[in-house]
Amino acid sequence: MRNFCIKRPDGVLARIVVHPTGAVFDHYVIVEEADVVKFKLWVCTLEEGGPGLLKVRWKTNNELIIRIPSQQSEISVYVNECRATVRQLTRHFISPFELSSRRDPVDAYLAM
């Protein structure tokens, strides 16, 4: 398991945790405030694990942006509300993010 930390000036810490599970890597974001875990959120599952696969930055004091270039998607994590939204950066009918989050992408495509 690997950690990558992104600090906010007021002491809030966002850690990106890469957890290997078999042949893939699960990526989580853990938000801590005053050394207390506020929440943990699953971000994505990728075939590779490493710091270069996710682009992470603070947009505002409340919003952390996680960009996943390989899946052409962007996740906004709202720290105060403990929630996240996913925005697709592609024009495909089924985005790579949706395909990777389903068990069988072919069945998911045929069901639409």
PDB file of N, CA and C in Angstrom:
ATOM      1  N   MET A   1       0.849  -1.164   0.000  1.00  0.00           N
ATOM      2  CA  MET A   1       0.000   0.000   0.000  1.00  0.00           C
ATOM      3  C   MET A   1       0.901   1.236   0.000  1.00  0.00           C
ATOM      4  N   ARG A   2       0.539   2.234  -0.826  1.00  0.00           N
ATOM      5  CA  ARG A   2       1.322   3.460  -0.942  1.00  0.00           C
ATOM      6  C   ARG A   2       0.435   4.656  -0.652  1.00  0.00           C
ATOM      7  N   ASN A   3       1.029   5.713  -0.095  1.00  0.00           N
ATOM      8  CA  ASN A   3       0.307   6.942   0.235  1.00  0.00           C
ATOM      9  C   ASN A   3       0.941   8.129  -0.475  1.00  0.00           C
ATOM     10  N   PHE A   4       0.109   9.059  -0.917  1.00  0.00           N
ATOM     11  CA  PHE A   4       0.552  10.325  -1.481  1.00  0.00           C
ATOM     12  C   PHE A   4      -0.282  11.417  -0.812  1.00  0.00           C
ATOM     13  N   CYS A   5       0.376  12.413  -0.227  1.00  0.00           N
ATOM     14  CA  CYS A   5      -0.327  13.416   0.589  1.00  0.00           C
ATOM     15  C   CYS A   5      -0.407  14.760  -0.126  1.00  0.00           C
ATOM     16  N   ILE A   6      -1.555  15.429   0.034  1.00  0.00           N
ATOM     17  CA  ILE A   6      -1.786  16.768  -0.482  1.00  0.00           C
ATOM     18  C   ILE A   6      -2.335  17.592   0.673  1.00  0.00           C
ATOM     19  N   LYS A   7      -1.562  18.577   1.132  1.00  0.00           N
ATOM     20  CA  LYS A   7      -1.982  19.382   2.272  1.00  0.00           C
ATOM     21  C   LYS A   7      -2.662  20.659   1.808  1.00  0.00           C
ATOM     22  N   ARG A   8      -3.629  21.096   2.611  1.00  0.00           N
ATOM     23  CA  ARG A   8      -4.280  22.376   2.421  1.00  0.00           C
ATOM     24  C   ARG A   8      -3.694  23.322   3.466  1.00  0.00           C
ATOM     25  N   PRO A   9      -3.593  24.623   3.191  1.00  0.00           N
ATOM     26  CA  PRO A   9      -2.939  25.540   4.124  1.00  0.00           C
ATOM     27  C   PRO A   9      -3.511  25.532   5.551  1.00  0.00           C
ATOM     28  N   ASP A  10      -4.786  25.249   5.729  1.00  0.00           N
ATOM     29  CA  ASP A  10      -5.387  25.301   7.069  1.00  0.00           C
ATOM     30  C   ASP A  10      -5.259  23.977   7.829  1.00  0.00           C
ATOM     31  N   GLY A  11      -4.457  23.046   7.333  1.00  0.00           N
ATOM     32  CA  GLY A  11      -4.183  21.830   8.078  1.00  0.00           C
ATOM     33  C   GLY A  11      -4.960  20.599   7.647  1.00  0.00           C
ATOM     34  N   VAL A  12      -5.863  20.719   6.692  1.00  0.00           N
ATOM     35  CA  VAL A  12      -6.588  19.548   6.194  1.00  0.00           C
ATOM     36  C   VAL A  12      -5.658  18.781   5.258  1.00  0.00           C
ATOM     37  N   LEU A  13      -5.615  17.479   5.452  1.00  0.00           N
ATOM     38  CA  LEU A  13      -4.726  16.624   4.678  1.00  0.00           C
ATOM     39  C   LEU A  13      -5.548  15.637   3.864  1.00  0.00           C
ATOM     40  N   ALA A  14      -5.273  15.555   2.579  1.00  0.00           N
ATOM     41  CA  ALA A  14      -5.900  14.553   1.711  1.00  0.00           C
ATOM     42  C   ALA A  14      -4.806  13.563   1.323  1.00  0.00           C
ATOM     43  N   ARG A  15      -5.047  12.300   1.631  1.00  0.00           N
ATOM     44  CA  ARG A  15      -4.098  11.243   1.276  1.00  0.00           C
ATOM     45  C   ARG A  15      -4.703  10.385   0.182  1.00  0.00           C
ATOM     46  N   ILE A  16      -3.936  10.163  -0.868  1.00  0.00           N
ATOM     47  CA  ILE A  16      -4.319   9.226  -1.915  1.00  0.00           C
ATOM     48  C   ILE A  16      -3.644   7.906  -1.550  1.00  0.00           C
ATOM     49  N   VAL A  17      -4.450   6.875  -1.323  1.00  0.00           N
ATOM     50  CA  VAL A  17      -3.936   5.570  -0.929  1.00  0.00           C
ATOM     51  C   VAL A  17      -4.119   4.609  -2.097  1.00  0.00           C
ATOM     52  N   VAL A  18      -3.042   3.960  -2.496  1.00  0.00           N
ATOM     53  CA  VAL A  18      -3.073   2.972  -3.579  1.00  0.00           C
ATOM     54  C   VAL A  18      -2.950   1.604  -2.925  1.00  0.00           C
ATOM     55  N   HIS A  19      -3.988   0.798  -3.091  1.00  0.00           N
ATOM     56  CA  HIS A  19      -4.056  -0.512  -2.442  1.00  0.00           C
ATOM     57  C   HIS A  19      -4.102  -1.599  -3.514  1.00  0.00           C
ATOM     58  N   PRO A  20      -3.054  -2.446  -3.599  1.00  0.00           N
ATOM     59  CA  PRO A  20      -3.077  -3.517  -4.600  1.00  0.00           C
ATOM     60  C   PRO A  20      -4.055  -4.627  -4.211  1.00  0.00           C
ATOM     61  N   THR A  21      -4.908  -5.003  -5.153  1.00  0.00           N
ATOM     62  CA  THR A  21      -5.855  -6.110  -4.946  1.00  0.00           C
ATOM     63  C   THR A  21      -5.757  -7.029  -6.156  1.00  0.00           C
ATOM     64  N   GLY A  22      -4.944  -8.035  -6.047  1.00  0.00           N
ATOM     65  CA  GLY A  22      -4.763  -8.956  -7.170  1.00  0.00           C
ATOM     66  C   GLY A  22      -3.996  -8.295  -8.296  1.00  0.00           C
ATOM     67  N   ALA A  23      -4.589  -8.268  -9.482  1.00  0.00           N
ATOM     68  CA  ALA A  23      -3.935  -7.711 -10.660  1.00  0.00           C
ATOM     69  C   ALA A  23      -4.231  -6.236 -10.871  1.00  0.00           C
ATOM     70  N   VAL A  24      -5.052  -5.626 -10.003  1.00  0.00           N
ATOM     71  CA  VAL A  24      -5.423  -4.219 -10.152  1.00  0.00           C
ATOM     72  C   VAL A  24      -5.085  -3.453  -8.870  1.00  0.00           C
ATOM     73  N   PHE A  25      -5.214  -2.126  -8.952  1.00  0.00           N
ATOM     74  CA  PHE A  25      -4.929  -1.253  -7.822  1.00  0.00           C
ATOM     75  C   PHE A  25      -6.145  -0.389  -7.527  1.00  0.00           C
ATOM     76  N   ASP A  26      -6.645  -0.460  -6.297  1.00  0.00           N
ATOM     77  CA  ASP A  26      -7.735   0.414  -5.860  1.00  0.00           C
ATOM     78  C   ASP A  26      -7.139   1.703  -5.324  1.00  0.00           C
ATOM     79  N   HIS A  27      -7.722   2.832  -5.732  1.00  0.00           N
ATOM     80  CA  HIS A  27      -7.264   4.144  -5.286  1.00  0.00           C
ATOM     81  C   HIS A  27      -8.338   4.755  -4.392  1.00  0.00           C
ATOM     82  N   TYR A  28      -7.933   5.210  -3.223  1.00  0.00           N
ATOM     83  CA  TYR A  28      -8.835   5.838  -2.256  1.00  0.00           C
ATOM     84  C   TYR A  28      -8.316   7.224  -1.920  1.00  0.00           C
ATOM     85  N   VAL A  29      -9.221   8.109  -1.497  1.00  0.00           N
ATOM     86  CA  VAL A  29      -8.816   9.385  -0.917  1.00  0.00           C
ATOM     87  C   VAL A  29      -9.298   9.370   0.533  1.00  0.00           C
ATOM     88  N   ILE A  30      -8.397   9.711   1.431  1.00  0.00           N
ATOM     89  CA  ILE A  30      -8.713   9.792   2.857  1.00  0.00           C
ATOM     90  C   ILE A  30      -8.475  11.230   3.278  1.00  0.00           C
ATOM     91  N   VAL A  31      -9.502  11.876   3.814  1.00  0.00           N
ATOM     92  CA  VAL A  31      -9.399  13.265   4.252  1.00  0.00           C
ATOM     93  C   VAL A  31      -9.282  13.279   5.768  1.00  0.00           C
ATOM     94  N   GLU A  32      -8.236  13.943   6.253  1.00  0.00           N
ATOM     95  CA  GLU A  32      -7.988  14.041   7.686  1.00  0.00           C
ATOM     96  C   GLU A  32      -7.965  15.503   8.100  1.00  0.00           C
ATOM     97  N   GLU A  33      -8.522  15.769   9.266  1.00  0.00           N
ATOM     98  CA  GLU A  33      -8.492  17.110   9.835  1.00  0.00           C
ATOM     99  C   GLU A  33      -8.081  16.986  11.294  1.00  0.00           C
ATOM    100  N   ALA A  34      -6.989  17.641  11.678  1.00  0.00           N
ATOM    101  CA  ALA A  34      -6.433  17.578  13.031  1.00  0.00           C
ATOM    102  C   ALA A  34      -6.135  16.121  13.423  1.00  0.00           C
ATOM    103  N   ASP A  35      -5.518  15.380  12.507  1.00  0.00           N
ATOM    104  CA  ASP A  35      -5.137  13.966  12.718  1.00  0.00           C
ATOM    105  C   ASP A  35      -6.323  13.050  12.991  1.00  0.00           C
ATOM    106  N   VAL A  36      -7.523  13.457  12.615  1.00  0.00           N
ATOM    107  CA  VAL A  36      -8.721  12.624  12.740  1.00  0.00           C
ATOM    108  C   VAL A  36      -9.262  12.392  11.333  1.00  0.00           C
ATOM    109  N   VAL A  37      -9.525  11.129  10.986  1.00  0.00           N
ATOM    110  CA  VAL A  37     -10.053  10.808   9.662  1.00  0.00           C
ATOM    111  C   VAL A  37     -11.486  11.305   9.555  1.00  0.00           C
ATOM    112  N   LYS A  38     -11.711  12.200   8.581  1.00  0.00           N
ATOM    113  CA  LYS A  38     -13.054  12.739   8.359  1.00  0.00           C
ATOM    114  C   LYS A  38     -13.880  11.773   7.518  1.00  0.00           C
ATOM    115  N   PHE A  39     -13.298  11.281   6.424  1.00  0.00           N
ATOM    116  CA  PHE A  39     -13.955  10.258   5.611  1.00  0.00           C
ATOM    117  C   PHE A  39     -12.957   9.600   4.681  1.00  0.00           C
ATOM    118  N   LYS A  40     -13.348   8.422   4.180  1.00  0.00           N
ATOM    119  CA  LYS A  40     -12.567   7.656   3.212  1.00  0.00           C
ATOM    120  C   LYS A  40     -13.467   7.387   2.019  1.00  0.00           C
ATOM    121  N   LEU A  41     -12.929   7.581   0.815  1.00  0.00           N
ATOM    122  CA  LEU A  41     -13.733   7.466  -0.397  1.00  0.00           C
ATOM    123  C   LEU A  41     -12.966   6.686  -1.448  1.00  0.00           C
ATOM    124  N   TRP A  42     -13.623   5.667  -2.037  1.00  0.00           N
ATOM    125  CA  TRP A  42     -13.026   4.942  -3.158  1.00  0.00           C
ATOM    126  C   TRP A  42     -13.070   5.848  -4.383  1.00  0.00           C
ATOM    127  N   VAL A  43     -11.954   5.959  -5.088  1.00  0.00           N
ATOM    128  CA  VAL A  43     -11.876   6.829  -6.257  1.00  0.00           C
ATOM    129  C   VAL A  43     -12.001   6.024  -7.547  1.00  0.00           C
ATOM    130  N   CYS A  44     -11.137   5.030  -7.728  1.00  0.00           N
ATOM    131  CA  CYS A  44     -11.168   4.253  -8.967  1.00  0.00           C
ATOM    132  C   CYS A  44     -10.310   3.005  -8.808  1.00  0.00           C
ATOM    133  N   THR A  45     -10.442   2.108  -9.773  1.00  0.00           N
ATOM    134  CA  THR A  45      -9.599   0.927  -9.873  1.00  0.00           C
ATOM    135  C   THR A  45      -8.860   1.004 -11.201  1.00  0.00           C
ATOM    136  N   LEU A  46      -7.541   0.906 -11.145  1.00  0.00           N
ATOM    137  CA  LEU A  46      -6.710   0.971 -12.338  1.00  0.00           C
ATOM    138  C   LEU A  46      -5.823  -0.253 -12.407  1.00  0.00           C
ATOM    139  N   GLU A  47      -5.331  -0.550 -13.604  1.00  0.00           N
ATOM    140  CA  GLU A  47      -4.440  -1.692 -13.784  1.00  0.00           C
ATOM    141  C   GLU A  47      -3.029  -1.390 -13.320  1.00  0.00           C
ATOM    142  N   GLU A  48      -2.724  -0.127 -13.081  1.00  0.00           N
ATOM    143  CA  GLU A  48      -1.408   0.274 -12.608  1.00  0.00           C
ATOM    144  C   GLU A  48      -1.592   1.119 -11.355  1.00  0.00           C
ATOM    145  N   GLY A  49      -0.548   1.213 -10.551  1.00  0.00           N
ATOM    146  CA  GLY A  49      -0.602   2.060  -9.365  1.00  0.00           C
ATOM    147  C   GLY A  49       0.613   2.960  -9.327  1.00  0.00           C
ATOM    148  N   GLY A  50       0.422   4.224  -9.009  1.00  0.00           N
ATOM    149  CA  GLY A  50       1.548   5.144  -8.936  1.00  0.00           C
ATOM    150  C   GLY A  50       1.088   6.578  -8.877  1.00  0.00           C
ATOM    151  N   PRO A  51       1.995   7.479  -8.516  1.00  0.00           N
ATOM    152  CA  PRO A  51       1.608   8.873  -8.343  1.00  0.00           C
ATOM    153  C   PRO A  51       1.277   9.587  -9.644  1.00  0.00           C
ATOM    154  N   GLY A  52       1.809   9.138 -10.777  1.00  0.00           N
ATOM    155  CA  GLY A  52       1.584   9.825 -12.044  1.00  0.00           C
ATOM    156  C   GLY A  52       0.244   9.527 -12.695  1.00  0.00           C
ATOM    157  N   LEU A  53      -0.514   8.578 -12.181  1.00  0.00           N
ATOM    158  CA  LEU A  53      -1.771   8.178 -12.809  1.00  0.00           C
ATOM    159  C   LEU A  53      -2.935   9.088 -12.436  1.00  0.00           C
ATOM    160  N   LEU A  54      -2.839   9.762 -11.295  1.00  0.00           N
ATOM    161  CA  LEU A  54      -3.884  10.677 -10.845  1.00  0.00           C
ATOM    162  C   LEU A  54      -3.285  12.071 -10.714  1.00  0.00           C
ATOM    163  N   LYS A  55      -3.998  13.076 -11.189  1.00  0.00           N
ATOM    164  CA  LYS A  55      -3.592  14.470 -11.024  1.00  0.00           C
ATOM    165  C   LYS A  55      -4.498  15.063  -9.950  1.00  0.00           C
ATOM    166  N   VAL A  56      -3.922  15.458  -8.820  1.00  0.00           N
ATOM    167  CA  VAL A  56      -4.706  15.904  -7.674  1.00  0.00           C
ATOM    168  C   VAL A  56      -4.309  17.323  -7.303  1.00  0.00           C
ATOM    169  N   ARG A  57      -5.322  18.171  -7.048  1.00  0.00           N
ATOM    170  CA  ARG A  57      -5.054  19.543  -6.612  1.00  0.00           C
ATOM    171  C   ARG A  57      -6.256  20.072  -5.834  1.00  0.00           C
ATOM    172  N   TRP A  58      -6.012  21.046  -4.982  1.00  0.00           N
ATOM    173  CA  TRP A  58      -7.099  21.727  -4.282  1.00  0.00           C
ATOM    174  C   TRP A  58      -7.605  22.838  -5.184  1.00  0.00           C
ATOM    175  N   LYS A  59      -8.900  22.862  -5.471  1.00  0.00           N
ATOM    176  CA  LYS A  59      -9.497  23.941  -6.268  1.00  0.00           C
ATOM    177  C   LYS A  59      -9.924  25.067  -5.344  1.00  0.00           C
ATOM    178  N   THR A  60     -10.615  24.737  -4.268  1.00  0.00           N
ATOM    179  CA  THR A  60     -10.992  25.694  -3.232  1.00  0.00           C
ATOM    180  C   THR A  60     -10.695  25.044  -1.883  1.00  0.00           C
ATOM    181  N   ASN A  61     -11.021  25.741  -0.794  1.00  0.00           N
ATOM    182  CA  ASN A  61     -10.818  25.150   0.533  1.00  0.00           C
ATOM    183  C   ASN A  61     -11.720  23.951   0.765  1.00  0.00           C
ATOM    184  N   ASN A  62     -12.796  23.842   0.004  1.00  0.00           N
ATOM    185  CA  ASN A  62     -13.751  22.753   0.179  1.00  0.00           C
ATOM    186  C   ASN A  62     -13.642  21.682  -0.900  1.00  0.00           C
ATOM    187  N   GLU A  63     -13.052  21.998  -2.040  1.00  0.00           N
ATOM    188  CA  GLU A  63     -13.093  21.095  -3.198  1.00  0.00           C
ATOM    189  C   GLU A  63     -11.708  20.600  -3.603  1.00  0.00           C
ATOM    190  N   LEU A  64     -11.576  19.282  -3.633  1.00  0.00           N
ATOM    191  CA  LEU A  64     -10.369  18.616  -4.092  1.00  0.00           C
ATOM    192  C   LEU A  64     -10.676  18.002  -5.451  1.00  0.00           C
ATOM    193  N   ILE A  65      -9.862  18.307  -6.450  1.00  0.00           N
ATOM    194  CA  ILE A  65     -10.065  17.793  -7.808  1.00  0.00           C
ATOM    195  C   ILE A  65      -9.096  16.646  -8.047  1.00  0.00           C
ATOM    196  N   ILE A  66      -9.637  15.494  -8.457  1.00  0.00           N
ATOM    197  CA  ILE A  66      -8.833  14.325  -8.814  1.00  0.00           C
ATOM    198  C   ILE A  66      -9.110  14.024 -10.280  1.00  0.00           C
ATOM    199  N   ARG A  67      -8.101  14.188 -11.098  1.00  0.00           N
ATOM    200  CA  ARG A  67      -8.246  13.945 -12.533  1.00  0.00           C
ATOM    201  C   ARG A  67      -7.586  12.612 -12.866  1.00  0.00           C
ATOM    202  N   ILE A  68      -8.324  11.788 -13.621  1.00  0.00           N
ATOM    203  CA  ILE A  68      -7.824  10.477 -14.037  1.00  0.00           C
ATOM    204  C   ILE A  68      -7.672  10.512 -15.557  1.00  0.00           C
ATOM    205  N   PRO A  69      -6.498  10.893 -16.059  1.00  0.00           N
ATOM    206  CA  PRO A  69      -6.325  11.040 -17.508  1.00  0.00           C
ATOM    207  C   PRO A  69      -6.598   9.770 -18.299  1.00  0.00           C
ATOM    208  N   SER A  70      -6.225   8.607 -17.767  1.00  0.00           N
ATOM    209  CA  SER A  70      -6.417   7.370 -18.524  1.00  0.00           C
ATOM    210  C   SER A  70      -7.895   7.037 -18.701  1.00  0.00           C
ATOM    211  N   GLN A  71      -8.762   7.510 -17.823  1.00  0.00           N
ATOM    212  CA  GLN A  71     -10.197   7.248 -17.933  1.00  0.00           C
ATOM    213  C   GLN A  71     -10.970   8.481 -18.384  1.00  0.00           C
ATOM    214  N   GLN A  72     -10.263   9.553 -18.677  1.00  0.00           N
ATOM    215  CA  GLN A  72     -10.857  10.790 -19.157  1.00  0.00           C
ATOM    216  C   GLN A  72     -12.002  11.241 -18.251  1.00  0.00           C
ATOM    217  N   SER A  73     -11.733  11.293 -16.954  1.00  0.00           N
ATOM    218  CA  SER A  73     -12.754  11.718 -15.999  1.00  0.00           C
ATOM    219  C   SER A  73     -12.109  12.546 -14.900  1.00  0.00           C
ATOM    220  N   GLU A  74     -12.976  13.268 -14.188  1.00  0.00           N
ATOM    221  CA  GLU A  74     -12.545  14.142 -13.112  1.00  0.00           C
ATOM    222  C   GLU A  74     -13.501  13.970 -11.942  1.00  0.00           C
ATOM    223  N   ILE A  75     -12.954  13.822 -10.747  1.00  0.00           N
ATOM    224  CA  ILE A  75     -13.769  13.631  -9.555  1.00  0.00           C
ATOM    225  C   ILE A  75     -13.571  14.834  -8.651  1.00  0.00           C
ATOM    226  N   SER A  76     -14.663  15.460  -8.257  1.00  0.00           N
ATOM    227  CA  SER A  76     -14.618  16.565  -7.303  1.00  0.00           C
ATOM    228  C   SER A  76     -15.028  16.032  -5.945  1.00  0.00           C
ATOM    229  N   VAL A  77     -14.145  16.145  -4.967  1.00  0.00           N
ATOM    230  CA  VAL A  77     -14.431  15.708  -3.607  1.00  0.00           C
ATOM    231  C   VAL A  77     -14.716  16.953  -2.782  1.00  0.00           C
ATOM    232  N   TYR A  78     -15.917  17.025  -2.219  1.00  0.00           N
ATOM    233  CA  TYR A  78     -16.322  18.157  -1.396  1.00  0.00           C
ATOM    234  C   TYR A  78     -16.114  17.769   0.062  1.00  0.00           C
ATOM    235  N   VAL A  79     -15.110  18.359   0.683  1.00  0.00           N
ATOM    236  CA  VAL A  79     -14.664  17.948   2.009  1.00  0.00           C
ATOM    237  C   VAL A  79     -15.713  18.236   3.077  1.00  0.00           C
ATOM    238  N   ASN A  80     -16.296  19.416   3.069  1.00  0.00           N
ATOM    239  CA  ASN A  80     -17.255  19.788   4.119  1.00  0.00           C
ATOM    240  C   ASN A  80     -18.525  18.952   4.061  1.00  0.00           C
ATOM    241  N   GLU A  81     -18.935  18.521   2.874  1.00  0.00           N
ATOM    242  CA  GLU A  81     -20.156  17.727   2.722  1.00  0.00           C
ATOM    243  C   GLU A  81     -19.887  16.224   2.715  1.00  0.00           C
ATOM    244  N   CYS A  82     -18.622  15.813   2.696  1.00  0.00           N
ATOM    245  CA  CYS A  82     -18.236  14.390   2.636  1.00  0.00           C
ATOM    246  C   CYS A  82     -18.895  13.683   1.460  1.00  0.00           C
ATOM    247  N   ARG A  83     -18.805  14.290   0.284  1.00  0.00           N
ATOM    248  CA  ARG A  83     -19.398  13.696  -0.914  1.00  0.00           C
ATOM    249  C   ARG A  83     -18.496  13.976  -2.112  1.00  0.00           C
ATOM    250  N   ALA A  84     -18.806  13.295  -3.222  1.00  0.00           N
ATOM    251  CA  ALA A  84     -18.022  13.457  -4.440  1.00  0.00           C
ATOM    252  C   ALA A  84     -18.929  13.394  -5.655  1.00  0.00           C
ATOM    253  N   THR A  85     -18.499  14.032  -6.732  1.00  0.00           N
ATOM    254  CA  THR A  85     -19.202  13.963  -8.015  1.00  0.00           C
ATOM    255  C   THR A  85     -18.180  13.604  -9.094  1.00  0.00           C
ATOM    256  N   VAL A  86     -18.654  12.878 -10.111  1.00  0.00           N
ATOM    257  CA  VAL A  86     -17.804  12.476 -11.230  1.00  0.00           C
ATOM    258  C   VAL A  86     -18.236  13.227 -12.471  1.00  0.00           C
ATOM    259  N   ARG A  87     -17.257  13.781 -13.181  1.00  0.00           N
ATOM    260  CA  ARG A  87     -17.537  14.494 -14.428  1.00  0.00           C
ATOM    261  C   ARG A  87     -16.708  13.841 -15.524  1.00  0.00           C
ATOM    262  N   GLN A  88     -17.370  13.473 -16.613  1.00  0.00           N
ATOM    263  CA  GLN A  88     -16.696  12.833 -17.741  1.00  0.00           C
ATOM    264  C   GLN A  88     -16.100  13.905 -18.643  1.00  0.00           C
ATOM    265  N   LEU A  89     -14.898  13.670 -19.122  1.00  0.00           N
ATOM    266  CA  LEU A  89     -14.201  14.597 -20.006  1.00  0.00           C
ATOM    267  C   LEU A  89     -14.130  14.058 -21.424  1.00  0.00           C
ATOM    268  N   THR A  90     -15.046  13.165 -21.767  1.00  0.00           N
ATOM    269  CA  THR A  90     -15.044  12.523 -23.073  1.00  0.00           C
ATOM    270  C   THR A  90     -16.424  12.630 -23.704  1.00  0.00           C
ATOM    271  N   ARG A  91     -16.482  12.445 -25.002  1.00  0.00           N
ATOM    272  CA  ARG A  91     -17.761  12.464 -25.702  1.00  0.00           C
ATOM    273  C   ARG A  91     -18.269  11.066 -26.017  1.00  0.00           C
ATOM    274  N   HIS A  92     -17.590  10.034 -25.536  1.00  0.00           N
ATOM    275  CA  HIS A  92     -18.010   8.666 -25.800  1.00  0.00           C
ATOM    276  C   HIS A  92     -19.359   8.378 -25.150  1.00  0.00           C
ATOM    277  N   PHE A  93     -20.105   7.474 -25.763  1.00  0.00           N
ATOM    278  CA  PHE A  93     -21.401   7.071 -25.213  1.00  0.00           C
ATOM    279  C   PHE A  93     -21.216   6.400 -23.862  1.00  0.00           C
ATOM    280  N   ILE A  94     -20.279   5.465 -23.768  1.00  0.00           N
ATOM    281  CA  ILE A  94     -19.909   4.851 -22.503  1.00  0.00           C
ATOM    282  C   ILE A  94     -18.458   5.238 -22.246  1.00  0.00           C
ATOM    283  N   SER A  95     -18.238   5.949 -21.168  1.00  0.00           N
ATOM    284  CA  SER A  95     -16.899   6.449 -20.883  1.00  0.00           C
ATOM    285  C   SER A  95     -16.002   5.343 -20.337  1.00  0.00           C
ATOM    286  N   PRO A  96     -14.707   5.524 -20.429  1.00  0.00           N
ATOM    287  CA  PRO A  96     -13.785   4.535 -19.852  1.00  0.00           C
ATOM    288  C   PRO A  96     -13.983   4.362 -18.349  1.00  0.00           C
ATOM    289  N   PHE A  97     -14.379   5.425 -17.639  1.00  0.00           N
ATOM    290  CA  PHE A  97     -14.622   5.325 -16.195  1.00  0.00           C
ATOM    291  C   PHE A  97     -15.783   4.387 -15.915  1.00  0.00           C
ATOM    292  N   GLU A  98     -16.869   4.508 -16.673  1.00  0.00           N
ATOM    293  CA  GLU A  98     -18.018   3.623 -16.482  1.00  0.00           C
ATOM    294  C   GLU A  98     -17.657   2.187 -16.829  1.00  0.00           C
ATOM    295  N   LEU A  99     -16.871   2.004 -17.873  1.00  0.00           N
ATOM    296  CA  LEU A  99     -16.490   0.649 -18.274  1.00  0.00           C
ATOM    297  C   LEU A  99     -15.627  -0.019 -17.209  1.00  0.00           C
ATOM    298  N   SER A 100     -14.710   0.733 -16.603  1.00  0.00           N
ATOM    299  CA  SER A 100     -13.817   0.125 -15.617  1.00  0.00           C
ATOM    300  C   SER A 100     -14.523  -0.140 -14.296  1.00  0.00           C
ATOM    301  N   SER A 101     -15.635   0.544 -14.032  1.00  0.00           N
ATOM    302  CA  SER A 101     -16.313   0.353 -12.761  1.00  0.00           C
ATOM    303  C   SER A 101     -17.360  -0.764 -12.818  1.00  0.00           C
ATOM    304  N   ARG A 102     -17.548  -1.367 -13.977  1.00  0.00           N
ATOM    305  CA  ARG A 102     -18.504  -2.466 -14.123  1.00  0.00           C
ATOM    306  C   ARG A 102     -17.766  -3.785 -14.239  1.00  0.00           C
ATOM    307  N   ARG A 103     -18.430  -4.834 -13.840  1.00  0.00           N
ATOM    308  CA  ARG A 103     -17.796  -6.165 -13.866  1.00  0.00           C
ATOM    309  C   ARG A 103     -17.546  -6.646 -15.297  1.00  0.00           C
ATOM    310  N   ASP A 104     -18.548  -6.531 -16.165  1.00  0.00           N
ATOM    311  CA  ASP A 104     -18.412  -7.009 -17.534  1.00  0.00           C
ATOM    312  C   ASP A 104     -18.815  -5.888 -18.478  1.00  0.00           C
ATOM    313  N   PRO A 105     -17.845  -5.149 -19.049  1.00  0.00           N
ATOM    314  CA  PRO A 105     -18.176  -4.008 -19.905  1.00  0.00           C
ATOM    315  C   PRO A 105     -18.982  -4.372 -21.157  1.00  0.00           C
ATOM    316  N   VAL A 106     -18.789  -5.559 -21.696  1.00  0.00           N
ATOM    317  CA  VAL A 106     -19.526  -5.945 -22.891  1.00  0.00           C
ATOM    318  C   VAL A 106     -21.018  -6.095 -22.558  1.00  0.00           C
ATOM    319  N   ASP A 107     -21.340  -6.770 -21.466  1.00  0.00           N
ATOM    320  CA  ASP A 107     -22.737  -6.926 -21.060  1.00  0.00           C
ATOM    321  C   ASP A 107     -23.354  -5.570 -20.720  1.00  0.00           C
ATOM    322  N   ALA A 108     -22.573  -4.680 -20.092  1.00  0.00           N
ATOM    323  CA  ALA A 108     -23.078  -3.364 -19.746  1.00  0.00           C
ATOM    324  C   ALA A 108     -23.394  -2.566 -21.005  1.00  0.00           C
ATOM    325  N   TYR A 109     -22.551  -2.692 -22.037  1.00  0.00           N
ATOM    326  CA  TYR A 109     -22.775  -1.976 -23.290  1.00  0.00           C
ATOM    327  C   TYR A 109     -24.006  -2.532 -24.014  1.00  0.00           C
ATOM    328  N   LEU A 110     -24.146  -3.847 -24.035  1.00  0.00           N
ATOM    329  CA  LEU A 110     -25.262  -4.455 -24.734  1.00  0.00           C
ATOM    330  C   LEU A 110     -26.588  -4.188 -24.026  1.00  0.00           C
ATOM    331  N   ALA A 111     -26.564  -3.940 -22.720  1.00  0.00           N
ATOM    332  CA  ALA A 111     -27.782  -3.681 -21.970  1.00  0.00           C
ATOM    333  C   ALA A 111     -28.328  -2.287 -22.232  1.00  0.00           C
ATOM    334  N   MET A 112     -27.512  -1.401 -22.798  1.00  0.00           N
ATOM    335  CA  MET A 112     -27.958  -0.012 -23.017  1.00  0.00           C
ATOM    336  C   MET A 112     -28.724   0.129 -24.297  1.00  0.00           C
TER     337      MET A 112
END
